[in-house]
Amino acid sequence: MKDLLQKAKEAMTQSYSPYSGVKVGAALLTKNGKIFLGTNVENAAFGPSCCAERSAFFSAVSQGEREFSAIAIVGGKDGKIADFFPPCGVCRQVMAEFCGADFPIYLENDRGEVKSLTLGELLPHAFTKEKF
């Protein structure tokens, strides 16, 4: 978990966030041990922006990965880690496409405290492919 959080911190440094100044990094661990990094990428039109978590998932999926073990997320203004930075609702829904309710999500705050949550805790009653 600590290694994954460190990778998320490294990814945070690559953020493209000239509008909000909020930098977010994510490190996504696959079942076979690969780590995919993601960072937020903003856009002047805001709608086309992409969160770090989705960036990591889309990178992994575009390279053939479909099974994931955990994700670590850190974020804050001007590249300084702030309080816990949980994924937004859209990112939670993307996670639900590939991960079960027990998927671990690790967050770290500016005091070095780590919080471990599951996708089911953050997105109860998820809309999933099993609904079809």
N, C-alpha and C. Protein backbone atom coordinates (compact mmCIF):
# COMPACT_ATOMS: atom_id res chain seq x y z
N MET A 1 0.82 -1.19 0.00
CA MET A 1 0.00 0.00 0.00
C MET A 1 0.88 1.27 0.00
N LYS A 2 1.93 1.30 0.81
CA LYS A 2 2.81 2.47 0.87
C LYS A 2 3.51 2.72 -0.46
N ASP A 3 3.95 1.64 -1.13
CA ASP A 3 4.58 1.79 -2.43
C ASP A 3 3.61 2.36 -3.45
N LEU A 4 2.37 1.91 -3.40
CA LEU A 4 1.34 2.39 -4.32
C LEU A 4 1.04 3.86 -4.06
N LEU A 5 0.98 4.25 -2.81
CA LEU A 5 0.77 5.66 -2.47
C LEU A 5 1.95 6.52 -2.94
N GLN A 6 3.17 6.01 -2.83
CA GLN A 6 4.34 6.75 -3.30
C GLN A 6 4.26 6.96 -4.81
N LYS A 7 3.84 5.95 -5.53
CA LYS A 7 3.68 6.07 -6.99
C LYS A 7 2.62 7.11 -7.33
N ALA A 8 1.54 7.16 -6.55
CA ALA A 8 0.49 8.17 -6.76
C ALA A 8 1.06 9.57 -6.56
N LYS A 9 1.93 9.73 -5.58
CA LYS A 9 2.57 11.03 -5.33
C LYS A 9 3.45 11.41 -6.52
N GLU A 10 4.16 10.44 -7.07
CA GLU A 10 5.00 10.70 -8.24
C GLU A 10 4.14 11.13 -9.43
N ALA A 11 3.02 10.45 -9.62
CA ALA A 11 2.12 10.79 -10.73
C ALA A 11 1.55 12.19 -10.57
N MET A 12 1.31 12.59 -9.34
CA MET A 12 0.75 13.91 -9.05
C MET A 12 1.62 15.03 -9.64
N THR A 13 2.92 14.81 -9.70
CA THR A 13 3.83 15.85 -10.20
C THR A 13 3.65 16.10 -11.69
N GLN A 14 3.03 15.19 -12.40
CA GLN A 14 2.83 15.33 -13.85
C GLN A 14 1.50 15.97 -14.21
N SER A 15 0.73 16.38 -13.22
CA SER A 15 -0.58 16.98 -13.45
C SER A 15 -0.52 18.17 -14.40
N TYR A 16 -1.52 18.28 -15.26
CA TYR A 16 -1.71 19.47 -16.09
C TYR A 16 -2.96 20.15 -15.56
N SER A 17 -2.78 21.12 -14.67
CA SER A 17 -3.92 21.75 -14.00
C SER A 17 -3.74 23.26 -13.91
N PRO A 18 -3.64 23.94 -15.07
CA PRO A 18 -3.38 25.38 -15.05
C PRO A 18 -4.58 26.21 -14.59
N TYR A 19 -5.76 25.64 -14.54
CA TYR A 19 -6.96 26.42 -14.20
C TYR A 19 -7.32 26.33 -12.73
N SER A 20 -7.34 25.14 -12.18
CA SER A 20 -7.71 24.98 -10.77
C SER A 20 -6.50 24.97 -9.85
N GLY A 21 -5.35 24.58 -10.38
CA GLY A 21 -4.17 24.42 -9.54
C GLY A 21 -4.20 23.16 -8.69
N VAL A 22 -5.27 22.39 -8.80
CA VAL A 22 -5.41 21.15 -8.03
C VAL A 22 -4.72 20.03 -8.81
N LYS A 23 -3.75 19.41 -8.19
CA LYS A 23 -3.01 18.31 -8.81
C LYS A 23 -3.41 17.01 -8.13
N VAL A 24 -3.68 15.99 -8.96
CA VAL A 24 -4.10 14.69 -8.43
C VAL A 24 -3.27 13.61 -9.12
N GLY A 25 -2.84 12.64 -8.34
CA GLY A 25 -2.11 11.50 -8.89
C GLY A 25 -2.77 10.21 -8.45
N ALA A 26 -2.77 9.23 -9.33
CA ALA A 26 -3.33 7.92 -9.04
C ALA A 26 -2.36 6.85 -9.49
N ALA A 27 -2.31 5.77 -8.73
CA ALA A 27 -1.51 4.60 -9.08
C ALA A 27 -2.41 3.39 -8.99
N LEU A 28 -2.64 2.74 -10.12
CA LEU A 28 -3.56 1.62 -10.25
C LEU A 28 -2.78 0.32 -10.36
N LEU A 29 -3.03 -0.60 -9.46
CA LEU A 29 -2.34 -1.89 -9.43
C LEU A 29 -3.21 -2.96 -10.10
N THR A 30 -2.64 -3.65 -11.10
CA THR A 30 -3.37 -4.72 -11.76
C THR A 30 -3.19 -6.02 -10.99
N LYS A 31 -4.03 -7.00 -11.29
CA LYS A 31 -3.93 -8.30 -10.62
C LYS A 31 -2.59 -8.98 -10.90
N ASN A 32 -1.98 -8.67 -12.07
CA ASN A 32 -0.70 -9.31 -12.38
C ASN A 32 0.50 -8.46 -11.95
N GLY A 33 0.26 -7.43 -11.12
CA GLY A 33 1.36 -6.69 -10.51
C GLY A 33 1.84 -5.46 -11.24
N LYS A 34 1.27 -5.13 -12.39
CA LYS A 34 1.67 -3.91 -13.10
C LYS A 34 1.02 -2.71 -12.42
N ILE A 35 1.71 -1.59 -12.51
CA ILE A 35 1.17 -0.34 -11.97
C ILE A 35 1.02 0.66 -13.11
N PHE A 36 -0.16 1.24 -13.21
CA PHE A 36 -0.45 2.27 -14.20
C PHE A 36 -0.70 3.57 -13.46
N LEU A 37 0.03 4.62 -13.88
CA LEU A 37 -0.11 5.92 -13.25
C LEU A 37 -1.10 6.77 -14.03
N GLY A 38 -1.74 7.67 -13.32
CA GLY A 38 -2.64 8.61 -13.95
C GLY A 38 -2.56 9.95 -13.24
N THR A 39 -2.81 11.00 -13.99
CA THR A 39 -2.85 12.34 -13.42
C THR A 39 -4.00 13.10 -14.05
N ASN A 40 -4.46 14.13 -13.38
CA ASN A 40 -5.55 14.91 -13.95
C ASN A 40 -5.02 15.79 -15.08
N VAL A 41 -5.85 15.95 -16.10
CA VAL A 41 -5.53 16.76 -17.26
C VAL A 41 -6.71 17.70 -17.49
N GLU A 42 -6.49 18.99 -17.22
CA GLU A 42 -7.56 19.97 -17.37
C GLU A 42 -7.61 20.51 -18.78
N ASN A 43 -8.71 21.18 -19.08
CA ASN A 43 -8.94 21.77 -20.38
C ASN A 43 -9.70 23.07 -20.17
N ALA A 44 -9.42 24.07 -20.97
CA ALA A 44 -10.08 25.37 -20.82
C ALA A 44 -11.60 25.25 -20.90
N ALA A 45 -12.09 24.25 -21.61
CA ALA A 45 -13.54 24.05 -21.73
C ALA A 45 -14.10 23.26 -20.55
N PHE A 46 -13.27 22.81 -19.64
CA PHE A 46 -13.58 22.04 -18.43
C PHE A 46 -14.22 20.68 -18.71
N GLY A 47 -15.24 20.59 -19.52
CA GLY A 47 -15.89 19.30 -19.81
C GLY A 47 -14.94 18.23 -20.31
N PRO A 48 -14.01 18.56 -21.19
CA PRO A 48 -13.08 17.55 -21.70
C PRO A 48 -11.98 17.14 -20.72
N SER A 49 -11.95 17.73 -19.54
CA SER A 49 -10.93 17.38 -18.55
C SER A 49 -11.07 15.91 -18.14
N CYS A 50 -9.98 15.34 -17.65
CA CYS A 50 -10.00 13.94 -17.22
C CYS A 50 -9.29 13.81 -15.88
N CYS A 51 -9.92 13.11 -14.97
CA CYS A 51 -9.36 12.89 -13.63
C CYS A 51 -8.21 11.89 -13.68
N ALA A 52 -7.39 11.92 -12.65
CA ALA A 52 -6.24 11.02 -12.54
C ALA A 52 -6.66 9.55 -12.52
N GLU A 53 -7.73 9.25 -11.79
CA GLU A 53 -8.17 7.86 -11.66
C GLU A 53 -8.61 7.30 -13.01
N ARG A 54 -9.40 8.07 -13.75
CA ARG A 54 -9.82 7.61 -15.08
C ARG A 54 -8.64 7.53 -16.03
N SER A 55 -7.71 8.46 -15.90
CA SER A 55 -6.50 8.43 -16.73
C SER A 55 -5.75 7.12 -16.52
N ALA A 56 -5.60 6.70 -15.27
CA ALA A 56 -4.91 5.44 -14.97
C ALA A 56 -5.69 4.24 -15.51
N PHE A 57 -7.00 4.22 -15.27
CA PHE A 57 -7.81 3.11 -15.76
C PHE A 57 -7.78 3.04 -17.29
N PHE A 58 -7.95 4.17 -17.96
CA PHE A 58 -8.00 4.16 -19.42
C PHE A 58 -6.66 3.75 -20.01
N SER A 59 -5.57 4.15 -19.36
CA SER A 59 -4.25 3.73 -19.82
C SER A 59 -4.11 2.21 -19.70
N ALA A 60 -4.50 1.68 -18.56
CA ALA A 60 -4.41 0.23 -18.35
C ALA A 60 -5.29 -0.54 -19.32
N VAL A 61 -6.52 -0.11 -19.47
CA VAL A 61 -7.46 -0.80 -20.36
C VAL A 61 -6.99 -0.73 -21.80
N SER A 62 -6.43 0.42 -22.20
CA SER A 62 -5.96 0.55 -23.58
C SER A 62 -4.76 -0.35 -23.86
N GLN A 63 -4.12 -0.85 -22.79
CA GLN A 63 -3.00 -1.78 -22.96
C GLN A 63 -3.41 -3.21 -22.63
N GLY A 64 -4.72 -3.47 -22.59
CA GLY A 64 -5.21 -4.83 -22.47
C GLY A 64 -5.51 -5.31 -21.06
N GLU A 65 -5.30 -4.49 -20.06
CA GLU A 65 -5.56 -4.90 -18.68
C GLU A 65 -7.05 -4.77 -18.36
N ARG A 66 -7.58 -5.73 -17.63
CA ARG A 66 -9.00 -5.71 -17.26
C ARG A 66 -9.24 -6.10 -15.80
N GLU A 67 -8.20 -6.55 -15.09
CA GLU A 67 -8.35 -6.99 -13.71
C GLU A 67 -7.43 -6.17 -12.82
N PHE A 68 -8.03 -5.60 -11.76
CA PHE A 68 -7.30 -4.65 -10.92
C PHE A 68 -7.38 -5.04 -9.45
N SER A 69 -6.30 -4.73 -8.73
CA SER A 69 -6.19 -5.11 -7.32
C SER A 69 -6.45 -3.97 -6.36
N ALA A 70 -6.03 -2.74 -6.71
CA ALA A 70 -6.16 -1.60 -5.80
C ALA A 70 -5.80 -0.33 -6.53
N ILE A 71 -6.19 0.80 -5.94
CA ILE A 71 -5.77 2.11 -6.45
C ILE A 71 -5.42 2.99 -5.26
N ALA A 72 -4.40 3.83 -5.44
CA ALA A 72 -4.01 4.83 -4.44
C ALA A 72 -4.19 6.20 -5.07
N ILE A 73 -4.70 7.15 -4.28
CA ILE A 73 -5.01 8.48 -4.80
C ILE A 73 -4.55 9.53 -3.80
N VAL A 74 -3.85 10.55 -4.30
CA VAL A 74 -3.48 11.70 -3.50
C VAL A 74 -3.77 12.95 -4.31
N GLY A 75 -4.00 14.07 -3.64
CA GLY A 75 -4.24 15.30 -4.38
C GLY A 75 -4.24 16.52 -3.49
N GLY A 76 -4.12 17.67 -4.12
CA GLY A 76 -4.15 18.93 -3.40
C GLY A 76 -3.76 20.09 -4.27
N LYS A 77 -4.01 21.27 -3.79
CA LYS A 77 -3.73 22.51 -4.50
C LYS A 77 -2.23 22.73 -4.65
N ASP A 78 -1.84 23.16 -5.84
CA ASP A 78 -0.44 23.50 -6.13
C ASP A 78 0.55 22.38 -5.85
N GLY A 79 0.09 21.13 -5.96
CA GLY A 79 0.98 19.98 -5.80
C GLY A 79 1.29 19.61 -4.37
N LYS A 80 0.60 20.22 -3.43
CA LYS A 80 0.79 19.88 -2.01
C LYS A 80 -0.37 19.00 -1.58
N ILE A 81 -0.05 17.81 -1.09
CA ILE A 81 -1.11 16.90 -0.66
C ILE A 81 -1.95 17.58 0.41
N ALA A 82 -3.26 17.48 0.26
CA ALA A 82 -4.20 18.09 1.20
C ALA A 82 -4.87 17.01 2.01
N ASP A 83 -6.08 17.25 2.40
CA ASP A 83 -6.83 16.23 3.12
C ASP A 83 -7.07 15.05 2.17
N PHE A 84 -7.71 14.01 2.65
CA PHE A 84 -8.01 12.85 1.81
C PHE A 84 -8.71 13.33 0.54
N PHE A 85 -8.36 12.74 -0.59
CA PHE A 85 -8.86 13.17 -1.89
C PHE A 85 -9.55 12.00 -2.58
N PRO A 86 -10.79 11.68 -2.17
CA PRO A 86 -11.48 10.53 -2.75
C PRO A 86 -11.87 10.78 -4.20
N PRO A 87 -12.09 9.72 -4.96
CA PRO A 87 -12.46 9.86 -6.37
C PRO A 87 -13.85 10.48 -6.53
N CYS A 88 -14.02 11.22 -7.62
CA CYS A 88 -15.33 11.82 -7.91
C CYS A 88 -16.31 10.72 -8.33
N GLY A 89 -17.56 11.08 -8.47
CA GLY A 89 -18.60 10.12 -8.84
C GLY A 89 -18.37 9.46 -10.19
N VAL A 90 -17.90 10.23 -11.16
CA VAL A 90 -17.64 9.66 -12.49
C VAL A 90 -16.53 8.61 -12.39
N CYS A 91 -15.48 8.91 -11.65
CA CYS A 91 -14.38 7.94 -11.50
C CYS A 91 -14.85 6.69 -10.76
N ARG A 92 -15.71 6.87 -9.77
CA ARG A 92 -16.26 5.72 -9.05
C ARG A 92 -17.04 4.82 -10.01
N GLN A 93 -17.79 5.43 -10.92
CA GLN A 93 -18.55 4.65 -11.88
C GLN A 93 -17.63 3.90 -12.84
N VAL A 94 -16.54 4.53 -13.27
CA VAL A 94 -15.57 3.85 -14.13
C VAL A 94 -14.96 2.66 -13.38
N MET A 95 -14.63 2.85 -12.12
CA MET A 95 -14.09 1.75 -11.32
C MET A 95 -15.09 0.60 -11.25
N ALA A 96 -16.37 0.93 -11.10
CA ALA A 96 -17.41 -0.10 -10.99
C ALA A 96 -17.53 -0.92 -12.27
N GLU A 97 -17.10 -0.37 -13.38
CA GLU A 97 -17.15 -1.12 -14.64
C GLU A 97 -16.17 -2.30 -14.61
N PHE A 98 -15.06 -2.14 -13.88
CA PHE A 98 -14.00 -3.14 -13.90
C PHE A 98 -13.75 -3.82 -12.55
N CYS A 99 -14.27 -3.26 -11.47
CA CYS A 99 -13.93 -3.74 -10.13
C CYS A 99 -15.18 -4.01 -9.31
N GLY A 100 -15.07 -4.93 -8.39
CA GLY A 100 -16.17 -5.25 -7.50
C GLY A 100 -16.25 -4.31 -6.31
N ALA A 101 -17.28 -4.50 -5.52
CA ALA A 101 -17.51 -3.65 -4.35
C ALA A 101 -16.37 -3.72 -3.34
N ASP A 102 -15.60 -4.81 -3.36
CA ASP A 102 -14.51 -4.97 -2.40
C ASP A 102 -13.18 -4.36 -2.88
N PHE A 103 -13.17 -3.71 -4.03
CA PHE A 103 -11.96 -3.09 -4.59
C PHE A 103 -11.42 -2.04 -3.62
N PRO A 104 -10.14 -2.17 -3.17
CA PRO A 104 -9.59 -1.23 -2.19
C PRO A 104 -9.13 0.08 -2.83
N ILE A 105 -9.44 1.17 -2.14
CA ILE A 105 -9.04 2.52 -2.55
C ILE A 105 -8.28 3.12 -1.37
N TYR A 106 -7.00 3.44 -1.60
CA TYR A 106 -6.15 3.98 -0.55
C TYR A 106 -5.98 5.48 -0.75
N LEU A 107 -6.18 6.23 0.32
CA LEU A 107 -6.04 7.68 0.30
C LEU A 107 -5.04 8.08 1.38
N GLU A 108 -4.27 9.13 1.13
CA GLU A 108 -3.35 9.64 2.14
C GLU A 108 -3.53 11.15 2.24
N ASN A 109 -3.50 11.66 3.46
CA ASN A 109 -3.66 13.10 3.64
C ASN A 109 -2.32 13.77 3.91
N ASP A 110 -2.36 15.07 4.17
CA ASP A 110 -1.15 15.85 4.38
C ASP A 110 -0.44 15.53 5.69
N ARG A 111 -1.08 14.80 6.57
CA ARG A 111 -0.45 14.40 7.83
C ARG A 111 0.14 12.99 7.74
N GLY A 112 0.10 12.38 6.55
CA GLY A 112 0.64 11.05 6.38
C GLY A 112 -0.30 9.95 6.84
N GLU A 113 -1.53 10.30 7.20
CA GLU A 113 -2.51 9.30 7.60
C GLU A 113 -3.07 8.63 6.35
N VAL A 114 -3.28 7.33 6.43
CA VAL A 114 -3.80 6.57 5.30
C VAL A 114 -5.19 6.06 5.64
N LYS A 115 -6.07 6.20 4.66
CA LYS A 115 -7.44 5.70 4.80
C LYS A 115 -7.65 4.65 3.73
N SER A 116 -8.17 3.51 4.12
CA SER A 116 -8.48 2.44 3.19
C SER A 116 -9.99 2.28 3.13
N LEU A 117 -10.54 2.47 1.94
CA LEU A 117 -11.98 2.34 1.72
C LEU A 117 -12.20 1.32 0.61
N THR A 118 -13.42 0.86 0.47
CA THR A 118 -13.75 -0.01 -0.66
C THR A 118 -14.64 0.76 -1.63
N LEU A 119 -14.65 0.30 -2.85
CA LEU A 119 -15.52 0.90 -3.85
C LEU A 119 -16.98 0.83 -3.40
N GLY A 120 -17.37 -0.27 -2.77
CA GLY A 120 -18.74 -0.42 -2.28
C GLY A 120 -19.10 0.61 -1.23
N GLU A 121 -18.13 1.01 -0.42
CA GLU A 121 -18.38 2.06 0.58
C GLU A 121 -18.58 3.42 -0.10
N LEU A 122 -17.81 3.66 -1.16
CA LEU A 122 -17.89 4.94 -1.85
C LEU A 122 -18.99 5.00 -2.90
N LEU A 123 -19.41 3.85 -3.38
CA LEU A 123 -20.45 3.82 -4.42
C LEU A 123 -21.42 2.68 -4.14
N PRO A 124 -22.25 2.84 -3.10
CA PRO A 124 -23.23 1.79 -2.83
C PRO A 124 -24.28 1.75 -3.95
N HIS A 125 -24.81 0.60 -4.20
CA HIS A 125 -25.85 0.43 -5.23
C HIS A 125 -25.36 0.88 -6.61
N ALA A 126 -24.13 0.50 -6.94
CA ALA A 126 -23.52 0.90 -8.22
C ALA A 126 -24.32 0.39 -9.41
N PHE A 127 -24.30 1.15 -10.47
CA PHE A 127 -24.90 0.74 -11.73
C PHE A 127 -23.83 -0.05 -12.47
N THR A 128 -24.03 -1.36 -12.61
CA THR A 128 -23.02 -2.23 -13.21
C THR A 128 -23.59 -3.04 -14.36
N LYS A 129 -22.70 -3.73 -15.07
CA LYS A 129 -23.12 -4.55 -16.21
C LYS A 129 -24.07 -5.67 -15.80
N GLU A 130 -24.06 -6.05 -14.54
CA GLU A 130 -24.98 -7.07 -14.08
C GLU A 130 -26.43 -6.59 -14.12
N LYS A 131 -26.64 -5.30 -14.26
CA LYS A 131 -27.99 -4.72 -14.33
C LYS A 131 -28.64 -4.97 -15.69
N PHE A 132 -27.82 -5.31 -16.69
CA PHE A 132 -28.36 -5.51 -18.05
C PHE A 132 -28.88 -6.90 -18.23
